Every structure is written in structure tokens, then in C-alpha cells.
Amino acid sequence: MITTTPRLVARTFILCLALVVALGGDAPARAADKSPAEQLHAAAVAAHKRGNLRQAVELWSDALKLDASWKYAYNLANTQYERGEGVAAWEAVRRAQVLGPPEKHLGLVVELQSKVRALLFKDHALLVVDTKALPPGSVVSLDGARLEPPFEVWTTATSSTLDVHAEGFVAFHNQVVHPLGERTDVAPRLVAQSVVVAPTGKLAITGPAGATLWIGGVERGRLPLAPLVMPVGTTSLRLERDGFVPVERDVTITAEQVTALVLQLDPVVVAKPPERHDLTVPGWIIAGGGAALIATGAGFLVWAGDTQDELEQLNGSPEALAKFASYDAYTKHFQDTRDAMDDRALAGQILLVAGGVAVVTGIAFILLDDDAPADGDVVGVVPITGGAALVGGAKF
């Protein structure tokens, strides 16, 4: 039988209270004691849950600067992948690999790397430079920019200029073609200068950015370019760019010296085409007006003919004479009708002549239009009795 005393109860209560304080009472204090990197990590997680991916990227980038942890690099890469920032995500996930994730999380890193690679291969090419065979101290450059380990470049271009330099070795220079959506591996090798007899110099070209340089008929890349190692002697070069007049020049390379050359390109001047005069439309209008005048003139002549028939009926007709009160009235009506006939006939003749001139003028305009004459077209003036006529013809 176990008996308790007030002193034993008091000791038990104090012991339990101490355990509570030791195990859980200092939780807020432990939270406040988190490292700055962990605090940034917690803030990044919260921002990611809220959907603020840009802020999450900034916070994980800052955390990674304070503490090189694979966890921060992985979360940074995953968020950049979600934002579609393929190249940045690739660099972050590669760093997560280098920092050594635990074996149980290694699969997550490999899976993320595969997703980022698939995203980049949609519109990028991966160029990998194998430097195992290069001597120590080799400098690798791509399109004039120095590369650093692991010597992998994602690019949207389909070709790049690869240069490798090392003390005591002949420089490596090559144009590498790398199709989009594929990985291209290049393993450059350097040859010791002792086995090379021909001396070399350097050529430094300065010119408009983006212009393509050709040397000896071989494309060497787009400006700006790092100084090129060239064999001694005279060679031809060509600099070209869309919208500009190409420049061709001979250059002489001197041994162990840098030949500097500054080239400028002049924009292409497009000659203004000569002004053309469209005479077809006014030609048809004038010809149409002339046809209308001819038709009106013909109407007047028909009208004059009808008037003439009326005069013939009046002339010597007792029935017509009986309609008038006196012979003077008959005579006046006859003369007025004759005058009207003459006026109508004259107006008809004038309209016919004017219409004919207008039709001929309109046809001349059509034939003389800038776009109308062709091989075989004929335009000429033919003399006729009382004037001249413009005659035109065309072969089809």
C-alpha cells in the first residue's frame, strides 16, 4: 500500500511544471531564435501559398545568399519553373544538386531538373563544352563571353562561335551549330604551339553590334567579338548587316601584334521610283463625254430632219396654207420653222464635231498612260482631208 504525504505531492507538482516549461513553454522563444535564412524561408513559403511567386523568388534568393542550403535552391528553382523562367530555374536546380540533397529527396531534384529541361527545349538549344581534355588554365569563350563551369549554355540561337585559349597552345576557334530543342556536346582540343610553325597575330574588329563578320569567306560570328587569333599575312574580310551596305576590305596580320580595325556600315538608300501619271481614268471620262456629245448631236440632226419634213409639208400645201389667217402669217411661220431647222442642224453638227474630238482625245489619253504602252503598241498622227486624226493600236 502506497501512502502519500503533502510534501511528496508538492514535489511531484513542481517536477511536472518544470517538464512543461522545458518541453513546450519556450516554443515562442525557439521560433524567435530562427536564423535569418530560415526566417526568409518561412516568409517565402507563405508568399508562395498566397500565389505571390515573384516575392517568393526574391525571398528564397536572399535566403540562399545567407545559407547555401539545397532546400532553398530547390524551392527557388521550382518557383522559377512555375513562373516560366527556364534558364534561371536550370541554374538553381543545378545548384541544389551541387549542394547535395539528402538521398530521400534526391528524386525530387532529378524530377524538377527533367521538367525544367523539357520547358527549355521548347525554344532553346543546350550547348555543353567538354573541358576534360583541355590543359589547366584554359579560357573558354562563347560568342566573346567567357564561360565558367559547368560550361553549359542554354541559348535561343542556332549557332555560336567557340574560342578556347591557353598559354603555350594554339587557340581553338570554331563555329558550332546547335539546333533548337537538342543538346549539342563539343569537346575542343588544343595543340601545343611547339608543333606549329606558322606565326600568328590577333585581329580586333570594332563595328556595329549584330553585324556578321566573314574572313576569307568563312563566317566568324557577329559583333562584338573577342580579338581573333589569325595567321600572319593578308586576308579579305567582309562585314554585313541587313539594311546596310556591306563593307569588304583586305587586312594584313602581323606576328605577335594586335591589328585593330574600325568599320562602319552605311544604310541602304532606296531610290524613289519615278512618279507615274495615270491618264486612263480621265481618258475614259473624256471619251465617255465625247460619246454623249455625239449622241446629243445626232439627236439634234434627227430633230432638224423632222423639222425639214414639216417644212416640206408646209411648202405648196393648200391645206397647210388654209390653217393660217393670212399669207403673211403663213410666210412668218414658214420662216421661223426654217430658222429652227437650221439652228438644230448647226447645233447637231457642232456637237458631233466636239464629241468626235473628245472621243479621240480620251482614246489618246488611254493609249499614252504610263502603264498602257507595251511592246507592239502604236500611236501616231495620220493626215486626212480638212485636218488630222490621232490613231492608236495595240498588240495582245
Protein backbone atom coordinates (compact mmCIF):
# COMPACT_ATOMS: atom_id res chain seq x y z
CA MET A 1 0.00 0.00 0.00
CA ILE A 2 1.40 3.37 -1.10
CA THR A 3 0.78 6.37 1.03
CA THR A 4 1.33 9.98 0.03
CA THR A 5 2.32 12.94 2.08
CA PRO A 6 1.73 16.65 1.36
CA ARG A 7 5.48 17.10 0.79
CA LEU A 8 5.55 14.33 -1.85
CA VAL A 9 2.57 15.84 -3.68
CA ALA A 10 4.24 19.26 -3.74
CA ARG A 11 7.48 17.83 -5.15
CA THR A 12 5.58 15.95 -7.89
CA PHE A 13 3.71 19.13 -8.94
CA ILE A 14 6.93 21.16 -9.18
CA LEU A 15 8.58 18.41 -11.30
CA CYS A 16 5.67 18.31 -13.78
CA LEU A 17 5.64 22.08 -14.08
CA ALA A 18 9.35 22.08 -14.86
CA LEU A 19 8.84 19.47 -17.61
CA VAL A 20 6.10 21.53 -19.19
CA VAL A 21 8.27 24.62 -19.21
CA ALA A 22 11.24 22.68 -20.54
CA LEU A 23 9.35 20.94 -23.34
CA GLY A 24 6.79 23.45 -24.51
CA GLY A 25 6.94 26.67 -22.62
CA ASP A 26 9.90 28.03 -24.61
CA ALA A 27 8.41 27.36 -28.11
CA PRO A 28 7.94 31.10 -28.90
CA ALA A 29 11.49 31.74 -27.82
CA ARG A 30 12.75 29.00 -30.17
CA ALA A 31 10.73 30.49 -33.03
CA ALA A 32 12.29 33.87 -32.36
CA ASP A 33 15.75 32.22 -32.37
CA LYS A 34 15.43 31.04 -36.03
CA SER A 35 18.31 32.01 -38.29
CA PRO A 36 17.75 34.89 -40.72
CA ALA A 37 17.84 32.42 -43.61
CA GLU A 38 15.13 30.28 -42.00
CA GLN A 39 13.00 33.35 -41.38
CA LEU A 40 13.31 34.28 -45.07
CA HIS A 41 12.45 30.68 -45.97
CA ALA A 42 9.29 30.81 -43.84
CA ALA A 43 8.28 34.12 -45.43
CA ALA A 44 8.92 32.66 -48.90
CA VAL A 45 6.71 29.65 -48.14
CA ALA A 46 3.93 31.98 -47.02
CA ALA A 47 4.30 34.14 -50.16
CA HIS A 48 4.19 31.01 -52.34
CA LYS A 49 0.98 29.85 -50.67
CA ARG A 50 -0.55 33.27 -51.34
CA GLY A 51 0.38 32.94 -55.02
CA ASN A 52 2.94 35.76 -54.88
CA LEU A 53 5.61 33.86 -56.81
CA ARG A 54 7.76 36.89 -57.58
CA GLN A 55 8.14 37.71 -53.87
CA ALA A 56 8.81 34.04 -53.10
CA VAL A 57 11.66 34.02 -55.66
CA GLU A 58 13.21 37.13 -54.10
CA LEU A 59 12.97 35.72 -50.56
CA TRP A 60 14.47 32.32 -51.46
CA SER A 61 17.25 34.05 -53.42
CA ASP A 62 18.09 36.12 -50.31
CA ALA A 63 17.95 33.03 -48.09
CA LEU A 64 20.34 31.20 -50.44
CA LYS A 65 22.80 34.09 -50.19
CA LEU A 66 22.80 33.78 -46.40
CA ASP A 67 22.90 29.99 -46.24
CA ALA A 68 23.88 27.72 -49.14
CA SER A 69 21.19 25.10 -48.48
CA TRP A 70 19.88 22.72 -51.12
CA LYS A 71 16.38 23.30 -49.71
CA TYR A 72 16.43 27.00 -50.60
CA ALA A 73 17.91 26.30 -54.05
CA TYR A 74 15.28 23.64 -54.78
CA ASN A 75 12.35 25.84 -53.75
CA LEU A 76 13.82 28.74 -55.73
CA ALA A 77 14.17 26.55 -58.85
CA ASN A 78 10.65 25.17 -58.50
CA THR A 79 9.11 28.65 -58.19
CA GLN A 80 11.11 29.98 -61.15
CA TYR A 81 9.88 26.98 -63.16
CA GLU A 82 6.30 27.86 -62.24
CA ARG A 83 6.97 31.43 -63.48
CA GLY A 84 8.34 30.11 -66.78
CA GLU A 85 11.90 31.34 -66.06
CA GLY A 86 13.60 28.30 -67.57
CA VAL A 87 17.26 29.38 -67.62
CA ALA A 88 17.18 30.72 -64.05
CA ALA A 89 15.36 27.59 -62.85
CA TRP A 90 18.02 25.40 -64.52
CA GLU A 91 20.84 27.22 -62.71
CA ALA A 92 19.02 26.96 -59.37
CA VAL A 93 18.25 23.24 -59.67
CA ARG A 94 21.86 22.53 -60.70
CA ARG A 95 23.00 24.37 -57.59
CA ALA A 96 20.60 22.29 -55.49
CA GLN A 97 22.30 19.17 -56.90
CA VAL A 98 25.77 20.52 -56.08
CA LEU A 99 24.72 21.36 -52.52
CA GLY A 100 23.84 17.69 -52.00
CA PRO A 101 20.22 16.98 -51.09
CA PRO A 102 19.53 14.04 -48.76
CA GLU A 103 19.11 10.73 -50.54
CA LYS A 104 15.38 10.61 -49.78
CA HIS A 105 14.89 13.95 -51.57
CA LEU A 106 17.27 13.29 -54.48
CA GLY A 107 14.39 12.05 -56.65
CA LEU A 108 12.56 15.36 -56.26
CA VAL A 109 15.58 17.30 -57.51
CA VAL A 110 16.06 14.97 -60.51
CA GLU A 111 12.36 15.20 -61.39
CA LEU A 112 12.42 19.01 -61.25
CA GLN A 113 15.52 19.10 -63.43
CA SER A 114 13.75 16.98 -66.05
CA LYS A 115 10.73 19.33 -66.07
CA VAL A 116 12.95 22.39 -66.44
CA ARG A 117 14.87 20.72 -69.28
CA ALA A 118 11.61 19.94 -71.11
CA LEU A 119 10.49 23.57 -70.70
CA LEU A 120 13.74 24.94 -72.10
CA PHE A 121 13.90 22.55 -75.06
CA LYS A 122 10.72 24.13 -76.44
CA ASP A 123 12.68 27.15 -77.74
CA HIS A 124 16.30 26.72 -76.58
CA ALA A 125 19.36 24.71 -77.50
CA LEU A 126 21.71 23.26 -74.88
CA LEU A 127 25.41 23.55 -75.68
CA VAL A 128 27.74 21.56 -73.40
CA VAL A 129 31.52 22.09 -73.68
CA ASP A 130 33.59 19.12 -72.51
CA THR A 131 36.77 20.57 -71.00
CA LYS A 132 38.33 17.33 -69.70
CA ALA A 133 40.97 17.26 -72.46
CA LEU A 134 41.89 20.95 -72.09
CA PRO A 135 45.06 22.00 -70.27
CA PRO A 136 44.75 23.73 -66.89
CA GLY A 137 44.11 27.45 -67.09
CA SER A 138 42.21 27.24 -70.39
CA VAL A 139 39.81 30.12 -71.05
CA VAL A 140 36.59 29.11 -72.81
CA SER A 141 34.53 31.83 -74.54
CA LEU A 142 31.25 31.63 -76.43
CA ASP A 143 30.42 34.50 -78.79
CA GLY A 144 33.03 36.59 -77.00
CA ALA A 145 31.65 35.95 -73.47
CA ARG A 146 33.74 33.89 -71.04
CA LEU A 147 32.18 30.63 -69.79
CA GLU A 148 32.51 29.27 -66.29
CA PRO A 149 31.99 25.71 -65.01
CA PRO A 150 29.98 23.62 -65.65
CA PHE A 151 30.37 25.09 -69.19
CA GLU A 152 26.71 24.62 -70.13
CA VAL A 153 24.80 27.26 -72.06
CA TRP A 154 21.11 27.46 -72.93
CA THR A 155 20.64 29.68 -75.97
CA THR A 156 17.92 30.62 -78.45
CA ALA A 157 20.48 30.92 -81.27
CA THR A 158 21.21 28.05 -83.66
CA SER A 159 24.96 28.63 -83.93
CA SER A 160 27.71 30.11 -81.75
CA THR A 161 31.41 30.92 -82.02
CA LEU A 162 33.51 28.88 -79.58
CA ASP A 163 37.01 30.08 -78.64
CA VAL A 164 39.48 28.37 -76.29
CA HIS A 165 42.80 29.91 -75.25
CA ALA A 166 45.62 28.55 -73.11
CA GLU A 167 49.19 29.62 -72.56
CA GLY A 168 51.55 27.71 -74.85
CA PHE A 169 48.79 26.34 -77.08
CA VAL A 170 47.30 27.36 -80.41
CA ALA A 171 43.92 28.97 -79.88
CA PHE A 172 40.85 26.94 -80.77
CA HIS A 173 38.24 28.72 -82.89
CA ASN A 174 35.18 27.08 -84.35
CA GLN A 175 31.60 27.85 -85.38
CA VAL A 176 29.31 25.40 -83.56
CA VAL A 177 25.85 24.59 -84.90
CA HIS A 178 23.34 23.63 -82.20
CA PRO A 179 19.73 23.03 -83.32
CA LEU A 180 16.92 24.21 -81.05
CA GLY A 181 15.37 21.53 -78.87
CA GLU A 182 18.56 19.44 -78.78
CA ARG A 183 21.69 19.02 -76.69
CA THR A 184 24.98 19.54 -78.53
CA ASP A 185 28.26 18.37 -76.97
CA VAL A 186 31.58 19.86 -78.05
CA ALA A 187 34.99 18.61 -76.94
CA PRO A 188 37.61 21.14 -78.11
CA ARG A 189 41.28 20.18 -78.13
CA LEU A 190 44.31 22.46 -78.09
CA VAL A 191 47.55 21.82 -79.94
CA ALA A 192 50.85 22.86 -78.38
CA GLN A 193 52.49 25.77 -80.17
CA SER A 194 55.76 23.90 -80.43
CA VAL A 195 54.39 21.78 -83.25
CA VAL A 196 53.05 24.77 -85.18
CA VAL A 197 55.42 26.59 -87.48
CA ALA A 198 53.23 29.40 -88.79
CA PRO A 199 53.28 32.53 -86.59
CA THR A 200 50.02 34.22 -85.62
CA GLY A 201 48.67 37.62 -84.65
CA LYS A 202 45.35 38.98 -83.44
CA LEU A 203 42.61 40.89 -85.20
CA ALA A 204 40.32 43.18 -83.19
CA ILE A 205 37.26 44.32 -85.12
CA THR A 206 35.08 47.21 -83.90
CA GLY A 207 31.80 47.93 -85.66
CA PRO A 208 28.01 47.96 -85.39
CA ALA A 209 26.66 45.41 -82.91
CA GLY A 210 24.98 42.47 -84.60
CA ALA A 211 26.90 42.81 -87.88
CA THR A 212 28.20 39.48 -89.27
CA LEU A 213 31.94 39.14 -89.90
CA TRP A 214 33.31 36.96 -92.70
CA ILE A 215 37.05 36.31 -93.01
CA GLY A 216 38.40 34.53 -96.04
CA GLY A 217 34.86 33.51 -96.98
CA VAL A 218 34.23 31.88 -93.58
CA GLU A 219 31.66 33.28 -91.15
CA ARG A 220 33.34 34.17 -87.81
CA GLY A 221 30.33 35.39 -85.84
CA ARG A 222 28.52 38.62 -85.00
CA LEU A 223 29.98 41.72 -83.42
CA PRO A 224 31.08 42.34 -80.75
CA LEU A 225 33.76 39.62 -80.88
CA ALA A 226 36.83 38.98 -78.79
CA PRO A 227 40.14 39.53 -80.64
CA LEU A 228 40.58 36.73 -83.16
CA VAL A 229 43.81 34.75 -83.48
CA MET A 230 44.80 34.86 -87.15
CA PRO A 231 47.69 33.50 -89.24
CA VAL A 232 50.22 36.10 -90.38
CA GLY A 233 49.56 37.53 -93.83
CA THR A 234 46.91 39.39 -95.81
CA THR A 235 43.34 38.16 -95.91
CA SER A 236 39.98 39.52 -97.01
CA LEU A 237 37.13 40.31 -94.67
CA ARG A 238 33.51 41.28 -95.14
CA LEU A 239 31.13 42.92 -92.67
CA GLU A 240 27.40 42.83 -93.41
CA ARG A 241 24.08 43.53 -91.75
CA ASP A 242 20.52 43.63 -93.04
CA GLY A 243 19.54 47.10 -94.23
CA PHE A 244 23.15 48.29 -94.66
CA VAL A 245 25.70 48.32 -97.47
CA PRO A 246 28.29 45.53 -96.88
CA VAL A 247 31.94 46.52 -96.41
CA GLU A 248 34.77 44.46 -97.92
CA ARG A 249 38.41 45.08 -97.10
CA ASP A 250 41.82 43.40 -97.08
CA VAL A 251 43.68 43.31 -93.76
CA THR A 252 47.28 42.37 -93.00
CA ILE A 253 48.02 40.44 -89.80
CA THR A 254 51.42 40.94 -88.17
CA ALA A 255 53.05 38.31 -85.96
CA GLU A 256 52.59 38.76 -82.21
CA GLN A 257 50.65 42.01 -82.70
CA VAL A 258 47.02 43.07 -82.43
CA THR A 259 45.65 44.61 -85.63
CA ALA A 260 42.75 46.90 -84.72
CA LEU A 261 40.20 47.79 -87.36
CA VAL A 262 37.15 50.06 -87.03
CA LEU A 263 34.44 49.50 -89.64
CA GLN A 264 31.24 51.45 -90.26
CA LEU A 265 28.22 50.44 -92.33
CA ASP A 266 26.12 52.89 -94.33
CA PRO A 267 22.36 52.30 -94.53
CA VAL A 268 20.96 51.21 -97.86
CA VAL A 269 19.34 54.14 -99.70
CA VAL A 270 16.26 53.02 -101.57
CA ALA A 271 15.79 55.02 -104.78
CA LYS A 272 12.39 56.67 -105.02
CA PRO A 273 10.52 55.31 -108.04
CA PRO A 274 9.65 57.89 -110.71
CA GLU A 275 6.25 59.42 -110.46
CA ARG A 276 3.68 57.86 -112.74
CA HIS A 277 0.79 59.69 -114.28
CA ASP A 278 -2.45 57.82 -114.56
CA LEU A 279 -4.22 59.07 -117.70
CA THR A 280 -6.56 56.13 -118.09
CA VAL A 281 -9.33 57.46 -115.83
CA PRO A 282 -9.51 60.96 -117.35
CA GLY A 283 -9.20 59.36 -120.79
CA TRP A 284 -12.28 57.24 -120.24
CA ILE A 285 -14.15 60.22 -118.79
CA ILE A 286 -13.33 62.41 -121.80
CA ALA A 287 -14.15 59.63 -124.27
CA GLY A 288 -17.43 58.96 -122.47
CA GLY A 289 -18.31 62.67 -122.58
CA GLY A 290 -17.49 62.72 -126.26
CA ALA A 291 -19.81 59.78 -126.90
CA ALA A 292 -22.56 61.64 -125.04
CA LEU A 293 -21.96 64.73 -127.21
CA ILE A 294 -22.13 62.63 -130.37
CA ALA A 295 -25.39 61.09 -129.24
CA THR A 296 -26.81 64.55 -128.43
CA GLY A 297 -25.63 65.92 -131.80
CA ALA A 298 -27.26 63.01 -133.59
CA GLY A 299 -30.47 63.79 -131.72
CA PHE A 300 -30.33 67.39 -132.88
CA LEU A 301 -29.81 66.27 -136.51
CA VAL A 302 -32.78 63.92 -136.27
CA TRP A 303 -34.78 66.79 -134.84
CA ALA A 304 -33.66 69.01 -137.73
CA GLY A 305 -34.72 66.29 -140.20
CA ASP A 306 -38.18 66.16 -138.65
CA THR A 307 -38.37 69.95 -138.97
CA GLN A 308 -37.38 69.68 -142.60
CA ASP A 309 -40.22 67.20 -143.18
CA GLU A 310 -42.57 69.72 -141.59
CA LEU A 311 -41.30 72.45 -143.98
CA GLU A 312 -41.89 70.24 -146.97
CA GLN A 313 -45.48 69.72 -145.84
CA LEU A 314 -45.95 73.49 -145.44
CA ASN A 315 -44.38 74.30 -148.80
CA GLY A 316 -47.04 74.35 -151.52
CA SER A 317 -49.75 72.65 -149.47
CA PRO A 318 -53.20 74.34 -149.76
CA GLU A 319 -54.34 72.52 -146.63
CA ALA A 320 -51.44 73.93 -144.60
CA LEU A 321 -51.99 77.41 -146.03
CA ALA A 322 -55.67 77.30 -145.08
CA LYS A 323 -54.73 76.96 -141.41
CA PHE A 324 -53.35 80.49 -141.28
CA ALA A 325 -55.39 83.70 -141.16
CA SER A 326 -53.30 85.38 -143.86
CA TYR A 327 -50.47 84.70 -146.23
CA ASP A 328 -48.15 86.86 -144.14
CA ALA A 329 -48.81 84.68 -141.09
CA TYR A 330 -48.09 81.59 -143.18
CA THR A 331 -44.87 83.13 -144.50
CA LYS A 332 -43.71 84.10 -140.98
CA HIS A 333 -44.42 80.59 -139.62
CA PHE A 334 -42.57 79.03 -142.55
CA GLN A 335 -39.51 81.23 -141.99
CA ASP A 336 -39.47 80.59 -138.22
CA THR A 337 -39.62 76.85 -138.84
CA ARG A 338 -36.82 77.07 -141.38
CA ASP A 339 -34.66 79.07 -138.93
CA ALA A 340 -35.32 76.50 -136.21
CA MET A 341 -34.32 73.71 -138.58
CA ASP A 342 -31.07 75.48 -139.46
CA ASP A 343 -30.27 76.10 -135.74
CA ARG A 344 -30.91 72.46 -134.86
CA ALA A 345 -28.82 71.21 -137.75
CA LEU A 346 -25.96 73.56 -136.83
CA ALA A 347 -26.12 72.54 -133.15
CA GLY A 348 -26.09 68.88 -134.16
CA GLN A 349 -23.06 69.36 -136.38
CA ILE A 350 -21.18 71.26 -133.64
CA LEU A 351 -21.99 68.59 -131.06
CA LEU A 352 -20.91 65.82 -133.43
CA VAL A 353 -17.57 67.52 -134.10
CA ALA A 354 -16.99 68.28 -130.40
CA GLY A 355 -17.95 64.73 -129.44
CA GLY A 356 -15.61 63.26 -132.03
CA VAL A 357 -12.72 65.41 -130.81
CA ALA A 358 -13.47 64.38 -127.19
CA VAL A 359 -13.59 60.68 -128.08
CA VAL A 360 -10.28 60.88 -129.94
CA THR A 361 -8.70 62.85 -127.07
CA GLY A 362 -9.91 60.31 -124.49
CA ILE A 363 -8.52 57.42 -126.54
CA ALA A 364 -5.20 59.25 -126.81
CA PHE A 365 -5.07 59.68 -123.03
CA ILE A 366 -5.71 55.96 -122.54
CA LEU A 367 -3.02 54.97 -125.04
CA LEU A 368 -0.49 57.44 -123.63
CA ASP A 369 -0.93 56.32 -119.98
CA ASP A 370 2.34 55.32 -118.23
CA ASP A 371 1.12 51.77 -117.67
CA ALA A 372 -0.67 51.35 -121.02
CA PRO A 373 2.10 51.33 -123.72
CA ALA A 374 3.77 47.99 -124.26
CA ASP A 375 5.86 46.33 -126.95
CA GLY A 376 3.89 46.49 -130.14
CA ASP A 377 1.72 49.47 -129.17
CA VAL A 378 1.35 52.07 -131.91
CA VAL A 379 0.34 55.71 -131.50
CA GLY A 380 0.56 58.09 -134.47
CA VAL A 381 -0.97 61.04 -136.34
CA VAL A 382 -2.49 60.39 -139.78
CA PRO A 383 -3.25 63.38 -142.08
CA ILE A 384 -6.74 63.49 -143.57
CA THR A 385 -8.63 65.99 -145.67
CA GLY A 386 -9.50 69.06 -143.60
CA GLY A 387 -7.40 68.08 -140.53
CA ALA A 388 -5.64 65.20 -138.76
CA ALA A 389 -6.66 62.21 -136.66
CA LEU A 390 -4.78 60.52 -133.77
CA VAL A 391 -4.75 56.79 -134.34
CA GLY A 392 -3.74 54.19 -131.76
CA GLY A 393 -3.46 50.45 -131.70
CA ALA A 394 -2.01 47.69 -129.57
CA LYS A 395 -0.96 44.05 -129.91
CA PHE A 396 -2.29 41.49 -127.46
